PDB file of N, CA and C in Angstrom:
ATOM      1  N   MET A   1     -31.234  -1.644   2.954  1.00  0.00           N
ATOM      2  CA  MET A   1     -31.869  -2.813   2.411  1.00  0.00           C
ATOM      3  C   MET A   1     -31.940  -3.908   3.485  1.00  0.00           C
ATOM      4  N   HIS A   2     -30.805  -4.177   4.137  1.00  0.00           N
ATOM      5  CA  HIS A   2     -30.801  -5.211   5.172  1.00  0.00           C
ATOM      6  C   HIS A   2     -31.666  -4.797   6.360  1.00  0.00           C
ATOM      7  N   LEU A   3     -31.584  -3.526   6.738  1.00  0.00           N
ATOM      8  CA  LEU A   3     -32.381  -3.052   7.872  1.00  0.00           C
ATOM      9  C   LEU A   3     -33.873  -3.134   7.570  1.00  0.00           C
ATOM     10  N   ALA A   4     -34.264  -2.785   6.354  1.00  0.00           N
ATOM     11  CA  ALA A   4     -35.682  -2.806   5.983  1.00  0.00           C
ATOM     12  C   ALA A   4     -36.252  -4.221   6.013  1.00  0.00           C
ATOM     13  N   LYS A   5     -35.401  -5.210   5.813  1.00  0.00           N
ATOM     14  CA  LYS A   5     -35.857  -6.602   5.820  1.00  0.00           C
ATOM     15  C   LYS A   5     -36.385  -7.009   7.199  1.00  0.00           C
ATOM     16  N   TYR A   6     -35.745  -6.533   8.255  1.00  0.00           N
ATOM     17  CA  TYR A   6     -36.103  -6.945   9.616  1.00  0.00           C
ATOM     18  C   TYR A   6     -36.820  -5.871  10.433  1.00  0.00           C
ATOM     19  N   PHE A   7     -36.641  -4.605  10.050  1.00  0.00           N
ATOM     20  CA  PHE A   7     -37.148  -3.509  10.875  1.00  0.00           C
ATOM     21  C   PHE A   7     -38.011  -2.568  10.037  1.00  0.00           C
ATOM     22  N   SER A   8     -39.292  -2.500  10.352  1.00  0.00           N
ATOM     23  CA  SER A   8     -40.236  -1.710   9.553  1.00  0.00           C
ATOM     24  C   SER A   8     -39.934  -0.215   9.588  1.00  0.00           C
ATOM     25  N   ALA A   9     -39.242   0.263  10.596  1.00  0.00           N
ATOM     26  CA  ALA A   9     -38.917   1.696  10.692  1.00  0.00           C
ATOM     27  C   ALA A   9     -38.025   2.157   9.545  1.00  0.00           C
ATOM     28  N   PHE A  10     -37.401   1.216   8.839  1.00  0.00           N
ATOM     29  CA  PHE A  10     -36.476   1.563   7.758  1.00  0.00           C
ATOM     30  C   PHE A  10     -37.052   1.295   6.370  1.00  0.00           C
ATOM     31  N   ARG A  11     -38.332   0.958   6.295  1.00  0.00           N
ATOM     32  CA  ARG A  11     -38.937   0.691   4.983  1.00  0.00           C
ATOM     33  C   ARG A  11     -39.276   1.994   4.289  1.00  0.00           C
ATOM     34  N   GLY A  12     -39.208   1.996   2.973  1.00  0.00           N
ATOM     35  CA  GLY A  12     -39.414   3.224   2.210  1.00  0.00           C
ATOM     36  C   GLY A  12     -38.204   4.120   2.379  1.00  0.00           C
ATOM     37  N   ASN A  13     -38.439   5.387   2.521  1.00  0.00           N
ATOM     38  CA  ASN A  13     -37.347   6.342   2.743  1.00  0.00           C
ATOM     39  C   ASN A  13     -37.265   6.761   4.200  1.00  0.00           C
ATOM     40  N   ASN A  14     -37.831   5.955   5.077  1.00  0.00           N
ATOM     41  CA  ASN A  14     -37.867   6.297   6.495  1.00  0.00           C
ATOM     42  C   ASN A  14     -36.580   5.885   7.196  1.00  0.00           C
ATOM     43  N   SER A  15     -36.189   6.664   8.178  1.00  0.00           N
ATOM     44  CA  SER A  15     -35.057   6.324   9.023  1.00  0.00           C
ATOM     45  C   SER A  15     -35.174   7.087  10.336  1.00  0.00           C
ATOM     46  N   PRO A  16     -35.102   6.378  11.453  1.00  0.00           N
ATOM     47  CA  PRO A  16     -35.159   7.059  12.742  1.00  0.00           C
ATOM     48  C   PRO A  16     -33.815   7.666  13.154  1.00  0.00           C
ATOM     49  N   TRP A  17     -32.787   7.480  12.343  1.00  0.00           N
ATOM     50  CA  TRP A  17     -31.446   7.937  12.695  1.00  0.00           C
ATOM     51  C   TRP A  17     -31.064   9.193  11.934  1.00  0.00           C
ATOM     52  N   SER A  18     -30.194   9.974  12.537  1.00  0.00           N
ATOM     53  CA  SER A  18     -29.725  11.223  11.922  1.00  0.00           C
ATOM     54  C   SER A  18     -28.657  10.928  10.864  1.00  0.00           C
ATOM     55  N   ASP A  19     -28.386  11.920  10.027  1.00  0.00           N
ATOM     56  CA  ASP A  19     -27.325  11.776   9.028  1.00  0.00           C
ATOM     57  C   ASP A  19     -25.983  11.510   9.697  1.00  0.00           C
ATOM     58  N   GLU A  20     -25.749  12.140  10.822  1.00  0.00           N
ATOM     59  CA  GLU A  20     -24.480  11.939  11.539  1.00  0.00           C
ATOM     60  C   GLU A  20     -24.346  10.491  12.012  1.00  0.00           C
ATOM     61  N   GLN A  21     -25.428   9.889  12.481  1.00  0.00           N
ATOM     62  CA  GLN A  21     -25.391   8.482  12.888  1.00  0.00           C
ATOM     63  C   GLN A  21     -25.122   7.584  11.685  1.00  0.00           C
ATOM     64  N   TRP A  22     -25.754   7.887  10.556  1.00  0.00           N
ATOM     65  CA  TRP A  22     -25.515   7.102   9.343  1.00  0.00           C
ATOM     66  C   TRP A  22     -24.062   7.213   8.904  1.00  0.00           C
ATOM     67  N   ARG A  23     -23.503   8.409   8.980  1.00  0.00           N
ATOM     68  CA  ARG A  23     -22.090   8.578   8.609  1.00  0.00           C
ATOM     69  C   ARG A  23     -21.186   7.740   9.513  1.00  0.00           C
ATOM     70  N   ARG A  24     -21.511   7.712  10.787  1.00  0.00           N
ATOM     71  CA  ARG A  24     -20.705   6.908  11.718  1.00  0.00           C
ATOM     72  C   ARG A  24     -20.797   5.425  11.372  1.00  0.00           C
ATOM     73  N   LEU A  25     -21.996   4.946  11.044  1.00  0.00           N
ATOM     74  CA  LEU A  25     -22.143   3.542  10.644  1.00  0.00           C
ATOM     75  C   LEU A  25     -21.372   3.251   9.364  1.00  0.00           C
ATOM     76  N   LEU A  26     -21.444   4.168   8.405  1.00  0.00           N
ATOM     77  CA  LEU A  26     -20.706   3.973   7.158  1.00  0.00           C
ATOM     78  C   LEU A  26     -19.208   3.883   7.417  1.00  0.00           C
ATOM     79  N   ILE A  27     -18.706   4.672   8.325  1.00  0.00           N
ATOM     80  CA  ILE A  27     -17.285   4.618   8.674  1.00  0.00           C
ATOM     81  C   ILE A  27     -16.953   3.293   9.358  1.00  0.00           C
ATOM     82  N   GLU A  28     -17.770   2.886  10.305  1.00  0.00           N
ATOM     83  CA  GLU A  28     -17.502   1.647  11.046  1.00  0.00           C
ATOM     84  C   GLU A  28     -17.556   0.411  10.144  1.00  0.00           C
ATOM     85  N   TYR A  29     -18.468   0.412   9.185  1.00  0.00           N
ATOM     86  CA  TYR A  29     -18.654  -0.753   8.319  1.00  0.00           C
ATOM     87  C   TYR A  29     -17.976  -0.590   6.952  1.00  0.00           C
ATOM     88  N   ARG A  30     -17.095   0.381   6.792  1.00  0.00           N
ATOM     89  CA  ARG A  30     -16.541   0.722   5.483  1.00  0.00           C
ATOM     90  C   ARG A  30     -15.790  -0.415   4.802  1.00  0.00           C
ATOM     91  N   ILE A  31     -15.139  -1.296   5.543  1.00  0.00           N
ATOM     92  CA  ILE A  31     -14.389  -2.371   4.894  1.00  0.00           C
ATOM     93  C   ILE A  31     -15.116  -3.714   4.981  1.00  0.00           C
ATOM     94  N   CYS A  32     -16.366  -3.688   5.366  1.00  0.00           N
ATOM     95  CA  CYS A  32     -17.152  -4.917   5.464  1.00  0.00           C
ATOM     96  C   CYS A  32     -17.795  -5.243   4.119  1.00  0.00           C
ATOM     97  N   THR A  33     -17.934  -6.527   3.857  1.00  0.00           N
ATOM     98  CA  THR A  33     -18.617  -6.963   2.643  1.00  0.00           C
ATOM     99  C   THR A  33     -20.126  -6.843   2.851  1.00  0.00           C
ATOM    100  N   PRO A  34     -20.903  -6.817   1.771  1.00  0.00           N
ATOM    101  CA  PRO A  34     -22.363  -6.791   1.928  1.00  0.00           C
ATOM    102  C   PRO A  34     -22.885  -7.970   2.753  1.00  0.00           C
ATOM    103  N   ALA A  35     -22.273  -9.143   2.593  1.00  0.00           N
ATOM    104  CA  ALA A  35     -22.699 -10.307   3.378  1.00  0.00           C
ATOM    105  C   ALA A  35     -22.432 -10.095   4.864  1.00  0.00           C
ATOM    106  N   GLU A  36     -21.299  -9.487   5.197  1.00  0.00           N
ATOM    107  CA  GLU A  36     -20.991  -9.221   6.606  1.00  0.00           C
ATOM    108  C   GLU A  36     -21.965  -8.212   7.199  1.00  0.00           C
ATOM    109  N   ILE A  37     -22.330  -7.213   6.420  1.00  0.00           N
ATOM    110  CA  ILE A  37     -23.305  -6.227   6.891  1.00  0.00           C
ATOM    111  C   ILE A  37     -24.659  -6.900   7.107  1.00  0.00           C
ATOM    112  N   GLY A  38     -25.067  -7.727   6.153  1.00  0.00           N
ATOM    113  CA  GLY A  38     -26.331  -8.454   6.285  1.00  0.00           C
ATOM    114  C   GLY A  38     -26.350  -9.357   7.509  1.00  0.00           C
ATOM    115  N   ASN A  39     -25.242 -10.048   7.758  1.00  0.00           N
ATOM    116  CA  ASN A  39     -25.158 -10.913   8.941  1.00  0.00           C
ATOM    117  C   ASN A  39     -25.224 -10.104  10.229  1.00  0.00           C
ATOM    118  N   ALA A  40     -24.587  -8.944  10.251  1.00  0.00           N
ATOM    119  CA  ALA A  40     -24.621  -8.091  11.441  1.00  0.00           C
ATOM    120  C   ALA A  40     -26.049  -7.638  11.731  1.00  0.00           C
ATOM    121  N   VAL A  41     -26.768  -7.236  10.698  1.00  0.00           N
ATOM    122  CA  VAL A  41     -28.159  -6.796  10.877  1.00  0.00           C
ATOM    123  C   VAL A  41     -29.025  -7.967  11.342  1.00  0.00           C
ATOM    124  N   ARG A  42     -28.818  -9.147  10.749  1.00  0.00           N
ATOM    125  CA  ARG A  42     -29.591 -10.327  11.149  1.00  0.00           C
ATOM    126  C   ARG A  42     -29.341 -10.671  12.617  1.00  0.00           C
ATOM    127  N   ARG A  43     -28.080 -10.606  13.034  1.00  0.00           N
ATOM    128  CA  ARG A  43     -27.759 -10.892  14.438  1.00  0.00           C
ATOM    129  C   ARG A  43     -28.411  -9.874  15.372  1.00  0.00           C
ATOM    130  N   CYS A  44     -28.436  -8.620  14.953  1.00  0.00           N
ATOM    131  CA  CYS A  44     -29.116  -7.594  15.760  1.00  0.00           C
ATOM    132  C   CYS A  44     -30.606  -7.895  15.858  1.00  0.00           C
ATOM    133  N   ALA A  45     -31.205  -8.340  14.756  1.00  0.00           N
ATOM    134  CA  ALA A  45     -32.632  -8.681  14.762  1.00  0.00           C
ATOM    135  C   ALA A  45     -32.894  -9.865  15.688  1.00  0.00           C
ATOM    136  N   GLU A  46     -32.018 -10.870  15.631  1.00  0.00           N
ATOM    137  CA  GLU A  46     -32.175 -12.034  16.505  1.00  0.00           C
ATOM    138  C   GLU A  46     -32.036 -11.642  17.972  1.00  0.00           C
ATOM    139  N   ARG A  47     -31.061 -10.792  18.272  1.00  0.00           N
ATOM    140  CA  ARG A  47     -30.854 -10.350  19.655  1.00  0.00           C
ATOM    141  C   ARG A  47     -32.058  -9.536  20.142  1.00  0.00           C
ATOM    142  N   ALA A  48     -32.571  -8.645  19.285  1.00  0.00           N
ATOM    143  CA  ALA A  48     -33.732  -7.833  19.667  1.00  0.00           C
ATOM    144  C   ALA A  48     -34.930  -8.733  19.960  1.00  0.00           C
ATOM    145  N   PHE A  49     -35.129  -9.759  19.131  1.00  0.00           N
ATOM    146  CA  PHE A  49     -36.229 -10.696  19.343  1.00  0.00           C
ATOM    147  C   PHE A  49     -36.056 -11.435  20.671  1.00  0.00           C
ATOM    148  N   ALA A  50     -34.838 -11.891  20.942  1.00  0.00           N
ATOM    149  CA  ALA A  50     -34.569 -12.629  22.179  1.00  0.00           C
ATOM    150  C   ALA A  50     -34.738 -11.745  23.414  1.00  0.00           C
ATOM    151  N   GLN A  51     -34.511 -10.451  23.260  1.00  0.00           N
ATOM    152  CA  GLN A  51     -34.647  -9.519  24.380  1.00  0.00           C
ATOM    153  C   GLN A  51     -36.067  -8.972  24.524  1.00  0.00           C
ATOM    154  N   GLY A  52     -36.986  -9.474  23.712  1.00  0.00           N
ATOM    155  CA  GLY A  52     -38.377  -9.058  23.826  1.00  0.00           C
ATOM    156  C   GLY A  52     -38.701  -7.741  23.148  1.00  0.00           C
ATOM    157  N   ARG A  53     -37.883  -7.323  22.210  1.00  0.00           N
ATOM    158  CA  ARG A  53     -38.175  -6.102  21.454  1.00  0.00           C
ATOM    159  C   ARG A  53     -38.067  -6.375  19.948  1.00  0.00           C
ATOM    160  N   PRO A  54     -38.894  -7.313  19.458  1.00  0.00           N
ATOM    161  CA  PRO A  54     -38.824  -7.667  18.037  1.00  0.00           C
ATOM    162  C   PRO A  54     -39.156  -6.476  17.137  1.00  0.00           C
ATOM    163  N   GLY A  55     -38.429  -6.371  16.049  1.00  0.00           N
ATOM    164  CA  GLY A  55     -38.677  -5.297  15.091  1.00  0.00           C
ATOM    165  C   GLY A  55     -38.145  -3.951  15.514  1.00  0.00           C
ATOM    166  N   ARG A  56     -37.378  -3.900  16.610  1.00  0.00           N
ATOM    167  CA  ARG A  56     -36.809  -2.627  17.071  1.00  0.00           C
ATOM    168  C   ARG A  56     -35.295  -2.760  17.173  1.00  0.00           C
ATOM    169  N   ILE A  57     -34.597  -1.775  16.640  1.00  0.00           N
ATOM    170  CA  ILE A  57     -33.140  -1.772  16.689  1.00  0.00           C
ATOM    171  C   ILE A  57     -32.661  -0.386  17.094  1.00  0.00           C
ATOM    172  N   GLU A  58     -31.613  -0.369  17.856  1.00  0.00           N
ATOM    173  CA  GLU A  58     -30.990   0.884  18.263  1.00  0.00           C
ATOM    174  C   GLU A  58     -29.691   1.056  17.485  1.00  0.00           C
ATOM    175  N   PHE A  59     -29.301   2.281  17.284  1.00  0.00           N
ATOM    176  CA  PHE A  59     -28.053   2.608  16.602  1.00  0.00           C
ATOM    177  C   PHE A  59     -26.871   1.892  17.266  1.00  0.00           C
ATOM    178  N   GLU A  60     -26.860   1.881  18.587  1.00  0.00           N
ATOM    179  CA  GLU A  60     -25.768   1.269  19.342  1.00  0.00           C
ATOM    180  C   GLU A  60     -25.685  -0.236  19.116  1.00  0.00           C
ATOM    181  N   ASP A  61     -26.822  -0.881  18.793  1.00  0.00           N
ATOM    182  CA  ASP A  61     -26.816  -2.322  18.524  1.00  0.00           C
ATOM    183  C   ASP A  61     -25.896  -2.646  17.351  1.00  0.00           C
ATOM    184  N   LEU A  62     -25.991  -1.860  16.289  1.00  0.00           N
ATOM    185  CA  LEU A  62     -25.144  -2.106  15.120  1.00  0.00           C
ATOM    186  C   LEU A  62     -23.683  -1.778  15.400  1.00  0.00           C
ATOM    187  N   LEU A  63     -23.429  -0.748  16.190  1.00  0.00           N
ATOM    188  CA  LEU A  63     -22.044  -0.436  16.551  1.00  0.00           C
ATOM    189  C   LEU A  63     -21.440  -1.571  17.372  1.00  0.00           C
ATOM    190  N   LYS A  64     -22.209  -2.088  18.328  1.00  0.00           N
ATOM    191  CA  LYS A  64     -21.715  -3.189  19.155  1.00  0.00           C
ATOM    192  C   LYS A  64     -21.479  -4.428  18.303  1.00  0.00           C
ATOM    193  N   GLN A  65     -22.397  -4.718  17.398  1.00  0.00           N
ATOM    194  CA  GLN A  65     -22.257  -5.896  16.549  1.00  0.00           C
ATOM    195  C   GLN A  65     -20.997  -5.796  15.691  1.00  0.00           C
ATOM    196  N   ARG A  66     -20.699  -4.604  15.203  1.00  0.00           N
ATOM    197  CA  ARG A  66     -19.494  -4.414  14.380  1.00  0.00           C
ATOM    198  C   ARG A  66     -18.228  -4.701  15.181  1.00  0.00           C
ATOM    199  N   SER A  67     -18.244  -4.403  16.456  1.00  0.00           N
ATOM    200  CA  SER A  67     -17.062  -4.641  17.290  1.00  0.00           C
ATOM    201  C   SER A  67     -16.845  -6.128  17.583  1.00  0.00           C
ATOM    202  N   LEU A  68     -17.826  -6.965  17.276  1.00  0.00           N
ATOM    203  CA  LEU A  68     -17.743  -8.391  17.601  1.00  0.00           C
ATOM    204  C   LEU A  68     -17.151  -9.256  16.494  1.00  0.00           C
ATOM    205  N   PHE A  69     -16.833  -8.674  15.328  1.00  0.00           N
ATOM    206  CA  PHE A  69     -16.251  -9.502  14.267  1.00  0.00           C
ATOM    207  C   PHE A  69     -15.143  -8.754  13.536  1.00  0.00           C
ATOM    208  N   THR A  70     -14.268  -9.530  12.906  1.00  0.00           N
ATOM    209  CA  THR A  70     -13.180  -8.978  12.102  1.00  0.00           C
ATOM    210  C   THR A  70     -13.564  -9.128  10.638  1.00  0.00           C
ATOM    211  N   PRO A  71     -13.637  -8.029   9.898  1.00  0.00           N
ATOM    212  CA  PRO A  71     -14.024  -8.103   8.485  1.00  0.00           C
ATOM    213  C   PRO A  71     -13.030  -8.914   7.647  1.00  0.00           C
ATOM    214  N   ALA A  72     -13.523  -9.493   6.579  1.00  0.00           N
ATOM    215  CA  ALA A  72     -12.683 -10.285   5.680  1.00  0.00           C
ATOM    216  C   ALA A  72     -11.518  -9.469   5.134  1.00  0.00           C
ATOM    217  N   MET A  73     -11.722  -8.170   4.938  1.00  0.00           N
ATOM    218  CA  MET A  73     -10.648  -7.319   4.415  1.00  0.00           C
ATOM    219  C   MET A  73      -9.453  -7.300   5.358  1.00  0.00           C
ATOM    220  N   GLU A  74      -9.667  -7.493   6.642  1.00  0.00           N
ATOM    221  CA  GLU A  74      -8.569  -7.556   7.608  1.00  0.00           C
ATOM    222  C   GLU A  74      -8.092  -8.988   7.802  1.00  0.00           C
ATOM    223  N   ARG A  75      -9.027  -9.929   7.844  1.00  0.00           N
ATOM    224  CA  ARG A  75      -8.707 -11.334   8.091  1.00  0.00           C
ATOM    225  C   ARG A  75      -7.923 -11.953   6.957  1.00  0.00           C
ATOM    226  N   GLU A  76      -8.356 -11.710   5.744  1.00  0.00           N
ATOM    227  CA  GLU A  76      -7.775 -12.352   4.565  1.00  0.00           C
ATOM    228  C   GLU A  76      -7.219 -11.294   3.632  1.00  0.00           C
ATOM    229  N   SER A  77      -6.310 -10.498   4.155  1.00  0.00           N
ATOM    230  CA  SER A  77      -5.833  -9.335   3.404  1.00  0.00           C
ATOM    231  C   SER A  77      -5.117  -9.710   2.108  1.00  0.00           C
ATOM    232  N   GLU A  78      -4.377 -10.822   2.097  1.00  0.00           N
ATOM    233  CA  GLU A  78      -3.661 -11.201   0.870  1.00  0.00           C
ATOM    234  C   GLU A  78      -4.629 -11.567  -0.251  1.00  0.00           C
ATOM    235  N   GLN A  79      -5.653 -12.347   0.067  1.00  0.00           N
ATOM    236  CA  GLN A  79      -6.637 -12.711  -0.955  1.00  0.00           C
ATOM    237  C   GLN A  79      -7.401 -11.485  -1.438  1.00  0.00           C
ATOM    238  N   MET A  80      -7.730 -10.601  -0.518  1.00  0.00           N
ATOM    239  CA  MET A  80      -8.461  -9.392  -0.905  1.00  0.00           C
ATOM    240  C   MET A  80      -7.588  -8.485  -1.767  1.00  0.00           C
ATOM    241  N   GLN A  81      -6.289  -8.424  -1.477  1.00  0.00           N
ATOM    242  CA  GLN A  81      -5.385  -7.623  -2.299  1.00  0.00           C
ATOM    243  C   GLN A  81      -5.298  -8.200  -3.705  1.00  0.00           C
ATOM    244  N   ALA A  82      -5.316  -9.508  -3.827  1.00  0.00           N
ATOM    245  CA  ALA A  82      -5.300 -10.140  -5.148  1.00  0.00           C
ATOM    246  C   ALA A  82      -6.549  -9.754  -5.937  1.00  0.00           C
ATOM    247  N   ILE A  83      -7.681  -9.696  -5.273  1.00  0.00           N
ATOM    248  CA  ILE A  83      -8.919  -9.270  -5.935  1.00  0.00           C
ATOM    249  C   ILE A  83      -8.810  -7.810  -6.354  1.00  0.00           C
ATOM    250  N   ARG A  84      -8.289  -6.962  -5.460  1.00  0.00           N
ATOM    251  CA  ARG A  84      -8.121  -5.544  -5.786  1.00  0.00           C
ATOM    252  C   ARG A  84      -7.193  -5.349  -6.980  1.00  0.00           C
ATOM    253  N   ASN A  85      -6.148  -6.171  -7.061  1.00  0.00           N
ATOM    254  CA  ASN A  85      -5.209  -6.053  -8.178  1.00  0.00           C
ATOM    255  C   ASN A  85      -5.889  -6.334  -9.514  1.00  0.00           C
ATOM    256  N   GLN A  86      -6.900  -7.183  -9.504  1.00  0.00           N
ATOM    257  CA  GLN A  86      -7.640  -7.487 -10.728  1.00  0.00           C
ATOM    258  C   GLN A  86      -8.720  -6.448 -11.014  1.00  0.00           C
ATOM    259  N   ALA A  87      -8.990  -5.589 -10.063  1.00  0.00           N
ATOM    260  CA  ALA A  87     -10.079  -4.619 -10.190  1.00  0.00           C
ATOM    261  C   ALA A  87      -9.830  -3.590 -11.285  1.00  0.00           C
ATOM    262  N   ILE A  88      -8.580  -3.384 -11.677  1.00  0.00           N
ATOM    263  CA  ILE A  88      -8.314  -2.393 -12.726  1.00  0.00           C
ATOM    264  C   ILE A  88      -8.943  -2.806 -14.048  1.00  0.00           C
ATOM    265  N   TYR A  89      -9.245  -4.084 -14.186  1.00  0.00           N
ATOM    266  CA  TYR A  89      -9.866  -4.577 -15.414  1.00  0.00           C
ATOM    267  C   TYR A  89     -11.391  -4.542 -15.346  1.00  0.00           C
ATOM    268  N   ALA A  90     -11.937  -4.234 -14.196  1.00  0.00           N
ATOM    269  CA  ALA A  90     -13.390  -4.258 -13.994  1.00  0.00           C
ATOM    270  C   ALA A  90     -14.030  -2.942 -14.424  1.00  0.00           C
ATOM    271  N   GLN A  91     -15.291  -3.014 -14.748  1.00  0.00           N
ATOM    272  CA  GLN A  91     -16.085  -1.844 -15.100  1.00  0.00           C
ATOM    273  C   GLN A  91     -17.047  -1.546 -13.951  1.00  0.00           C
ATOM    274  N   PRO A  92     -17.362  -0.278 -13.706  1.00  0.00           N
ATOM    275  CA  PRO A  92     -18.322   0.048 -12.638  1.00  0.00           C
ATOM    276  C   PRO A  92     -19.680  -0.613 -12.906  1.00  0.00           C
ATOM    277  N   VAL A  93     -20.321  -1.053 -11.836  1.00  0.00           N
ATOM    278  CA  VAL A  93     -21.632  -1.695 -11.985  1.00  0.00           C
ATOM    279  C   VAL A  93     -22.770  -0.756 -11.632  1.00  0.00           C
ATOM    280  N   SER A  94     -22.432   0.426 -11.126  1.00  0.00           N
ATOM    281  CA  SER A  94     -23.473   1.390 -10.800  1.00  0.00           C
ATOM    282  C   SER A  94     -23.011   2.780 -11.207  1.00  0.00           C
ATOM    283  N   SER A  95     -23.960   3.686 -11.257  1.00  0.00           N
ATOM    284  CA  SER A  95     -23.627   5.061 -11.631  1.00  0.00           C
ATOM    285  C   SER A  95     -22.924   5.760 -10.470  1.00  0.00           C
ATOM    286  N   GLU A  96     -22.379   6.922 -10.744  1.00  0.00           N
ATOM    287  CA  GLU A  96     -21.671   7.681  -9.723  1.00  0.00           C
ATOM    288  C   GLU A  96     -22.630   8.082  -8.600  1.00  0.00           C
ATOM    289  N   ASP A  97     -22.124   8.074  -7.383  1.00  0.00           N
ATOM    290  CA  ASP A  97     -22.932   8.375  -6.201  1.00  0.00           C
ATOM    291  C   ASP A  97     -22.971   9.881  -5.960  1.00  0.00           C
ATOM    292  N   TYR A  98     -24.162  10.463  -6.077  1.00  0.00           N
ATOM    293  CA  TYR A  98     -24.349  11.888  -5.810  1.00  0.00           C
ATOM    294  C   TYR A  98     -25.193  12.115  -4.553  1.00  0.00           C
ATOM    295  N   SER A  99     -25.395  11.056  -3.766  1.00  0.00           N
ATOM    296  CA  SER A  99     -26.218  11.188  -2.562  1.00  0.00           C
ATOM    297  C   SER A  99     -25.482  11.998  -1.498  1.00  0.00           C
ATOM    298  N   ARG A 100     -26.189  12.330  -0.452  1.00  0.00           N
ATOM    299  CA  ARG A 100     -25.565  13.114   0.618  1.00  0.00           C
ATOM    300  C   ARG A 100     -24.531  12.296   1.383  1.00  0.00           C
ATOM    301  N   PHE A 101     -24.508  10.979   1.157  1.00  0.00           N
ATOM    302  CA  PHE A 101     -23.526  10.126   1.816  1.00  0.00           C
ATOM    303  C   PHE A 101     -22.362   9.762   0.896  1.00  0.00           C
ATOM    304  N   ALA A 102     -22.315  10.355  -0.266  1.00  0.00           N
ATOM    305  CA  ALA A 102     -21.243  10.057  -1.219  1.00  0.00           C
ATOM    306  C   ALA A 102     -19.890  10.406  -0.613  1.00  0.00           C
ATOM    307  N   TYR A 103     -18.894   9.615  -0.965  1.00  0.00           N
ATOM    308  CA  TYR A 103     -17.538   9.858  -0.472  1.00  0.00           C
ATOM    309  C   TYR A 103     -17.045  11.197  -0.985  1.00  0.00           C
ATOM    310  N   GLN A 104     -16.486  11.989  -0.098  1.00  0.00           N
ATOM    311  CA  GLN A 104     -15.941  13.286  -0.485  1.00  0.00           C
ATOM    312  C   GLN A 104     -14.425  13.186  -0.457  1.00  0.00           C
ATOM    313  N   TYR A 105     -13.826  13.340  -1.626  1.00  0.00           N
ATOM    314  CA  TYR A 105     -12.374  13.228  -1.720  1.00  0.00           C
ATOM    315  C   TYR A 105     -11.709  14.393  -1.008  1.00  0.00           C
ATOM    316  N   GLN A 106     -10.628  14.091  -0.298  1.00  0.00           N
ATOM    317  CA  GLN A 106      -9.887  15.114   0.431  1.00  0.00           C
ATOM    318  C   GLN A 106      -8.409  14.964   0.107  1.00  0.00           C
ATOM    319  N   GLU A 107      -7.736  16.093  -0.030  1.00  0.00           N
ATOM    320  CA  GLU A 107      -6.298  16.072  -0.232  1.00  0.00           C
ATOM    321  C   GLU A 107      -5.637  15.612   1.056  1.00  0.00           C
ATOM    322  N   LEU A 108      -4.657  14.728   0.922  1.00  0.00           N
ATOM    323  CA  LEU A 108      -3.963  14.244   2.099  1.00  0.00           C
ATOM    324  C   LEU A 108      -3.141  15.356   2.736  1.00  0.00           C
ATOM    325  N   PHE A 109      -2.450  16.114   1.895  1.00  0.00           N
ATOM    326  CA  PHE A 109      -1.656  17.241   2.378  1.00  0.00           C
ATOM    327  C   PHE A 109      -2.098  18.487   1.643  1.00  0.00           C
ATOM    328  N   GLU A 110      -2.461  19.493   2.387  1.00  0.00           N
ATOM    329  CA  GLU A 110      -2.906  20.737   1.748  1.00  0.00           C
ATOM    330  C   GLU A 110      -1.850  21.799   1.862  1.00  0.00           C
TER     331      GLU A 110
END
């Protein structure tokens, strides 16, 4: 959604990146809030524009941008834990994820 806002290559169901690249991004951004992800994409768009390549983004741009900030989940861990503690009372807001990027549960010890 954020990528499609700034980069036409991601509009519709299009993506110039492989599933493996998407999995890597999902891992890197796993504890980021939607606002942090949106800001990272916006900063990449601004940098691309300043470098004379408007509307073009590379996979590495998002990886580099992620390395430049500390997510709120790490910065404000006590406040985030308080929110998580209240989460047991919350109801899901979306249906179960059956996409190819859905989290696959793994046993810690087999």
